[in-house]
N, C-alpha and C. Protein backbone atom coordinates (compact mmCIF):
# COMPACT_ATOMS: atom_id res chain seq x y z
N UNK A 1 -65.72 67.98 -158.47
CA UNK A 1 -65.78 67.11 -157.33
C UNK A 1 -64.68 66.06 -157.40
N UNK A 2 -63.66 66.36 -158.12
CA UNK A 2 -62.55 65.43 -158.32
C UNK A 2 -61.91 65.05 -156.98
N UNK A 3 -61.65 63.75 -156.82
CA UNK A 3 -61.00 63.19 -155.63
C UNK A 3 -61.78 63.43 -154.34
N UNK A 4 -63.07 63.70 -154.46
CA UNK A 4 -63.89 63.91 -153.28
C UNK A 4 -64.99 62.85 -153.22
N UNK A 5 -64.70 61.66 -153.72
CA UNK A 5 -65.68 60.59 -153.81
C UNK A 5 -65.40 59.50 -152.78
N UNK A 6 -66.47 58.93 -152.25
CA UNK A 6 -66.33 57.74 -151.42
C UNK A 6 -67.01 56.59 -152.15
N UNK A 7 -66.43 55.42 -152.04
CA UNK A 7 -66.96 54.22 -152.67
C UNK A 7 -67.10 53.17 -151.59
N UNK A 8 -68.31 52.63 -151.46
CA UNK A 8 -68.48 51.57 -150.47
C UNK A 8 -69.66 50.68 -150.85
N UNK A 9 -69.57 49.45 -150.42
CA UNK A 9 -70.70 48.54 -150.53
C UNK A 9 -71.30 48.51 -149.13
N UNK A 10 -72.53 49.02 -149.02
CA UNK A 10 -73.14 49.22 -147.71
C UNK A 10 -73.68 47.92 -147.12
N UNK A 11 -74.32 48.01 -145.96
CA UNK A 11 -74.82 46.83 -145.26
C UNK A 11 -75.87 46.07 -146.04
N UNK A 12 -76.60 46.75 -146.92
CA UNK A 12 -77.60 46.09 -147.76
C UNK A 12 -76.97 45.43 -148.98
N UNK A 13 -75.68 45.64 -149.19
CA UNK A 13 -74.99 45.06 -150.33
C UNK A 13 -74.99 45.92 -151.57
N UNK A 14 -75.45 47.16 -151.45
CA UNK A 14 -75.49 48.08 -152.59
C UNK A 14 -74.17 48.82 -152.74
N UNK A 15 -73.75 49.00 -153.97
CA UNK A 15 -72.57 49.80 -154.26
C UNK A 15 -72.98 51.27 -154.28
N UNK A 16 -72.38 52.07 -153.42
CA UNK A 16 -72.72 53.49 -153.32
C UNK A 16 -71.47 54.31 -153.59
N UNK A 17 -71.56 55.20 -154.57
CA UNK A 17 -70.48 56.14 -154.88
C UNK A 17 -71.06 57.52 -154.61
N UNK A 18 -70.47 58.25 -153.68
CA UNK A 18 -71.02 59.55 -153.29
C UNK A 18 -69.90 60.56 -153.14
N UNK A 19 -70.23 61.81 -153.46
CA UNK A 19 -69.26 62.90 -153.32
C UNK A 19 -69.96 64.18 -152.91
N UNK A 20 -69.26 64.97 -152.13
CA UNK A 20 -69.78 66.28 -151.70
C UNK A 20 -68.88 67.38 -152.24
N UNK A 21 -69.50 68.48 -152.55
CA UNK A 21 -68.73 69.63 -153.02
C UNK A 21 -69.32 70.90 -152.44
N UNK A 22 -68.45 71.77 -151.97
CA UNK A 22 -68.87 73.05 -151.44
C UNK A 22 -68.65 74.09 -152.52
N UNK A 23 -69.73 74.65 -153.03
CA UNK A 23 -69.65 75.67 -154.07
C UNK A 23 -69.99 77.01 -153.44
N UNK A 24 -68.97 77.70 -152.99
CA UNK A 24 -69.19 78.95 -152.27
C UNK A 24 -69.87 80.02 -153.12
N UNK A 25 -69.61 80.01 -154.42
CA UNK A 25 -70.19 81.04 -155.27
C UNK A 25 -71.64 80.72 -155.68
N UNK A 26 -72.06 79.46 -155.49
CA UNK A 26 -73.39 79.05 -155.92
C UNK A 26 -74.21 78.68 -154.71
N UNK A 27 -75.40 79.21 -154.61
CA UNK A 27 -76.31 78.84 -153.54
C UNK A 27 -77.66 78.51 -154.15
N UNK A 28 -78.35 77.56 -153.51
CA UNK A 28 -79.69 77.26 -154.00
C UNK A 28 -80.67 78.27 -153.42
N UNK A 29 -81.93 78.05 -153.65
CA UNK A 29 -82.98 78.97 -153.23
C UNK A 29 -82.98 79.20 -151.72
N UNK A 30 -82.54 78.20 -150.95
CA UNK A 30 -82.56 78.30 -149.48
C UNK A 30 -81.21 78.69 -148.89
N UNK A 31 -80.24 79.01 -149.73
CA UNK A 31 -78.94 79.48 -149.26
C UNK A 31 -77.90 78.39 -149.04
N UNK A 32 -78.22 77.17 -149.36
CA UNK A 32 -77.25 76.08 -149.18
C UNK A 32 -76.22 76.10 -150.31
N UNK A 33 -74.97 75.83 -149.97
CA UNK A 33 -73.92 75.83 -150.99
C UNK A 33 -73.16 74.51 -151.04
N UNK A 34 -73.56 73.52 -150.25
CA UNK A 34 -72.94 72.20 -150.28
C UNK A 34 -73.86 71.24 -151.01
N UNK A 35 -73.31 70.57 -152.01
CA UNK A 35 -74.10 69.70 -152.86
C UNK A 35 -73.52 68.29 -152.84
N UNK A 36 -74.40 67.30 -152.95
CA UNK A 36 -73.97 65.90 -152.95
C UNK A 36 -74.47 65.24 -154.23
N UNK A 37 -73.60 64.45 -154.83
CA UNK A 37 -73.93 63.70 -156.03
C UNK A 37 -73.50 62.27 -155.83
N UNK A 38 -74.10 61.38 -156.57
CA UNK A 38 -73.67 60.01 -156.46
C UNK A 38 -74.48 59.07 -157.30
N UNK A 39 -74.18 57.80 -157.13
CA UNK A 39 -74.94 56.76 -157.80
C UNK A 39 -74.94 55.52 -156.95
N UNK A 40 -75.94 54.69 -157.18
CA UNK A 40 -76.11 53.46 -156.43
C UNK A 40 -76.41 52.33 -157.40
N UNK A 41 -75.69 51.23 -157.25
CA UNK A 41 -75.98 50.01 -157.98
C UNK A 41 -76.46 49.02 -156.94
N UNK A 42 -77.68 48.52 -157.13
CA UNK A 42 -78.27 47.64 -156.14
C UNK A 42 -77.56 46.29 -156.10
N UNK A 43 -77.64 45.64 -154.95
CA UNK A 43 -76.90 44.40 -154.67
C UNK A 43 -77.10 43.34 -155.74
N UNK A 44 -78.32 43.18 -156.22
CA UNK A 44 -78.57 42.12 -157.20
C UNK A 44 -77.95 42.41 -158.57
N UNK A 45 -77.40 43.62 -158.76
CA UNK A 45 -76.73 43.96 -160.01
C UNK A 45 -75.21 44.02 -159.87
N UNK A 46 -74.67 43.60 -158.75
CA UNK A 46 -73.22 43.69 -158.54
C UNK A 46 -72.44 42.64 -159.34
N UNK A 47 -73.03 41.51 -159.60
CA UNK A 47 -72.30 40.50 -160.37
C UNK A 47 -71.94 41.00 -161.77
N UNK A 48 -72.90 41.60 -162.51
CA UNK A 48 -72.51 42.17 -163.81
C UNK A 48 -71.46 43.28 -163.70
N UNK A 49 -71.48 44.03 -162.60
CA UNK A 49 -70.46 45.08 -162.40
C UNK A 49 -69.09 44.42 -162.24
N UNK A 50 -69.03 43.36 -161.45
CA UNK A 50 -67.75 42.66 -161.27
C UNK A 50 -67.26 42.07 -162.58
N UNK A 51 -68.16 41.51 -163.37
CA UNK A 51 -67.77 40.96 -164.67
C UNK A 51 -67.26 42.07 -165.59
N UNK A 52 -67.90 43.23 -165.54
CA UNK A 52 -67.45 44.38 -166.32
C UNK A 52 -66.05 44.79 -165.89
N UNK A 53 -65.82 44.89 -164.59
CA UNK A 53 -64.49 45.28 -164.09
C UNK A 53 -63.44 44.25 -164.47
N UNK A 54 -63.80 42.97 -164.45
CA UNK A 54 -62.86 41.92 -164.86
C UNK A 54 -62.45 42.10 -166.32
N UNK A 55 -63.40 42.48 -167.16
CA UNK A 55 -63.08 42.70 -168.58
C UNK A 55 -62.25 43.97 -168.79
N UNK A 56 -62.59 45.02 -168.05
CA UNK A 56 -61.87 46.29 -168.21
C UNK A 56 -60.45 46.23 -167.65
N UNK A 57 -60.27 45.48 -166.56
CA UNK A 57 -58.98 45.42 -165.88
C UNK A 57 -58.58 43.96 -165.67
N UNK A 58 -58.19 43.28 -166.74
CA UNK A 58 -57.90 41.84 -166.63
C UNK A 58 -56.71 41.52 -165.73
N UNK A 59 -55.82 42.46 -165.50
CA UNK A 59 -54.66 42.19 -164.64
C UNK A 59 -54.95 42.40 -163.16
N UNK A 60 -56.11 42.97 -162.86
CA UNK A 60 -56.48 43.20 -161.45
C UNK A 60 -57.14 41.94 -160.89
N UNK A 61 -56.91 41.70 -159.63
CA UNK A 61 -57.54 40.57 -158.95
C UNK A 61 -58.74 41.10 -158.17
N UNK A 62 -59.93 40.78 -158.65
CA UNK A 62 -61.15 41.27 -158.01
C UNK A 62 -61.90 40.05 -157.46
N UNK A 63 -61.53 39.64 -156.26
CA UNK A 63 -62.16 38.46 -155.66
C UNK A 63 -63.01 38.81 -154.45
N UNK A 64 -62.90 40.04 -153.96
CA UNK A 64 -63.68 40.44 -152.78
C UNK A 64 -64.43 41.74 -153.07
N UNK A 65 -65.40 42.04 -152.22
CA UNK A 65 -66.14 43.30 -152.36
C UNK A 65 -65.21 44.49 -152.13
N UNK A 66 -64.27 44.34 -151.21
CA UNK A 66 -63.31 45.41 -150.94
C UNK A 66 -62.44 45.69 -152.16
N UNK A 67 -62.04 44.64 -152.86
CA UNK A 67 -61.25 44.82 -154.08
C UNK A 67 -62.06 45.54 -155.15
N UNK A 68 -63.35 45.23 -155.21
CA UNK A 68 -64.23 45.91 -156.16
C UNK A 68 -64.33 47.40 -155.82
N UNK A 69 -64.50 47.71 -154.55
CA UNK A 69 -64.55 49.11 -154.11
C UNK A 69 -63.25 49.83 -154.48
N UNK A 70 -62.12 49.18 -154.20
CA UNK A 70 -60.82 49.81 -154.44
C UNK A 70 -60.58 50.09 -155.92
N UNK A 71 -60.92 49.15 -156.79
CA UNK A 71 -60.66 49.37 -158.22
C UNK A 71 -61.54 50.48 -158.77
N UNK A 72 -62.78 50.57 -158.30
CA UNK A 72 -63.67 51.65 -158.75
C UNK A 72 -63.14 52.98 -158.24
N UNK A 73 -62.74 53.03 -156.97
CA UNK A 73 -62.21 54.28 -156.40
C UNK A 73 -60.95 54.72 -157.14
N UNK A 74 -60.00 53.80 -157.34
CA UNK A 74 -58.74 54.15 -157.98
C UNK A 74 -58.92 54.53 -159.44
N UNK A 75 -59.63 53.70 -160.18
CA UNK A 75 -59.71 53.89 -161.63
C UNK A 75 -60.70 54.97 -162.05
N UNK A 76 -61.84 55.07 -161.37
CA UNK A 76 -62.87 55.99 -161.85
C UNK A 76 -63.01 57.25 -161.00
N UNK A 77 -62.76 57.17 -159.71
CA UNK A 77 -62.90 58.36 -158.87
C UNK A 77 -61.61 59.17 -158.82
N UNK A 78 -60.47 58.49 -158.79
CA UNK A 78 -59.19 59.19 -158.68
C UNK A 78 -58.56 59.49 -160.04
N UNK A 79 -58.55 58.51 -160.95
CA UNK A 79 -57.83 58.67 -162.22
C UNK A 79 -58.68 59.15 -163.38
N UNK A 80 -59.92 58.75 -163.43
CA UNK A 80 -60.80 59.13 -164.55
C UNK A 80 -61.94 59.96 -164.00
N UNK A 81 -63.17 59.56 -164.25
CA UNK A 81 -64.31 60.27 -163.68
C UNK A 81 -65.46 59.30 -163.46
N UNK A 82 -66.33 59.68 -162.56
CA UNK A 82 -67.50 58.85 -162.26
C UNK A 82 -68.43 58.80 -163.48
N UNK A 83 -68.46 59.86 -164.26
CA UNK A 83 -69.32 59.84 -165.45
C UNK A 83 -68.85 58.79 -166.46
N UNK A 84 -67.57 58.50 -166.50
CA UNK A 84 -67.08 57.43 -167.38
C UNK A 84 -67.58 56.09 -166.85
N UNK A 85 -67.56 55.90 -165.54
CA UNK A 85 -68.10 54.67 -164.95
C UNK A 85 -69.59 54.53 -165.28
N UNK A 86 -70.33 55.63 -165.19
CA UNK A 86 -71.75 55.61 -165.55
C UNK A 86 -71.94 55.19 -167.00
N UNK A 87 -71.10 55.70 -167.87
CA UNK A 87 -71.19 55.34 -169.29
C UNK A 87 -70.98 53.84 -169.50
N UNK A 88 -69.99 53.27 -168.78
CA UNK A 88 -69.78 51.83 -168.87
C UNK A 88 -71.01 51.07 -168.38
N UNK A 89 -71.61 51.52 -167.29
CA UNK A 89 -72.81 50.86 -166.78
C UNK A 89 -73.93 50.92 -167.81
N UNK A 90 -74.10 52.07 -168.44
CA UNK A 90 -75.15 52.22 -169.44
C UNK A 90 -74.88 51.34 -170.66
N UNK A 91 -73.63 51.29 -171.11
CA UNK A 91 -73.28 50.46 -172.26
C UNK A 91 -73.57 49.00 -171.98
N UNK A 92 -73.29 48.56 -170.77
CA UNK A 92 -73.52 47.16 -170.38
C UNK A 92 -74.95 46.92 -169.92
N UNK A 93 -75.77 47.96 -169.93
CA UNK A 93 -77.17 47.91 -169.50
C UNK A 93 -77.30 47.41 -168.06
N UNK A 94 -76.41 47.90 -167.21
CA UNK A 94 -76.46 47.60 -165.78
C UNK A 94 -77.22 48.77 -165.12
N UNK A 95 -78.35 48.48 -164.50
CA UNK A 95 -79.14 49.57 -163.92
C UNK A 95 -78.45 50.21 -162.72
N UNK A 96 -78.63 51.51 -162.59
CA UNK A 96 -78.11 52.25 -161.44
C UNK A 96 -79.05 53.41 -161.16
N UNK A 97 -78.92 53.97 -160.00
CA UNK A 97 -79.72 55.14 -159.61
C UNK A 97 -78.75 56.29 -159.34
N UNK A 98 -78.91 57.38 -160.07
CA UNK A 98 -78.06 58.55 -159.86
C UNK A 98 -78.85 59.60 -159.09
N UNK A 99 -78.14 60.41 -158.32
CA UNK A 99 -78.82 61.46 -157.58
C UNK A 99 -77.92 62.69 -157.42
N UNK A 100 -78.55 63.82 -157.28
CA UNK A 100 -77.92 65.10 -156.95
C UNK A 100 -78.81 65.76 -155.92
N UNK A 101 -78.22 66.26 -154.86
CA UNK A 101 -79.04 66.89 -153.84
C UNK A 101 -78.23 67.90 -153.05
N UNK A 102 -78.93 68.68 -152.26
CA UNK A 102 -78.28 69.59 -151.35
C UNK A 102 -77.94 68.81 -150.10
N UNK A 103 -76.69 68.91 -149.67
CA UNK A 103 -76.25 68.12 -148.50
C UNK A 103 -76.57 68.87 -147.22
């Protein structure tokens, strides 16, 4: 699912990272072959996420929610992987909700 991720802070203030992938060779029990994966960090946990990003990327200026979205998209969705971001969240004990589903 590389480079197929969207990163946004939604209207409720939650950080949502989501990606879709079409796996033509794999189908679930009902014949669907498009799958969605992602994670959500709730709004009340965004401050520790910003502090984590400040420590990881001290040269980046993260003063807005848009800047936070951009650094996550560039560093973890485009250059590294979302699973690395999850690992950082787990190490810092920042709660998140991960999901996988048929789209």
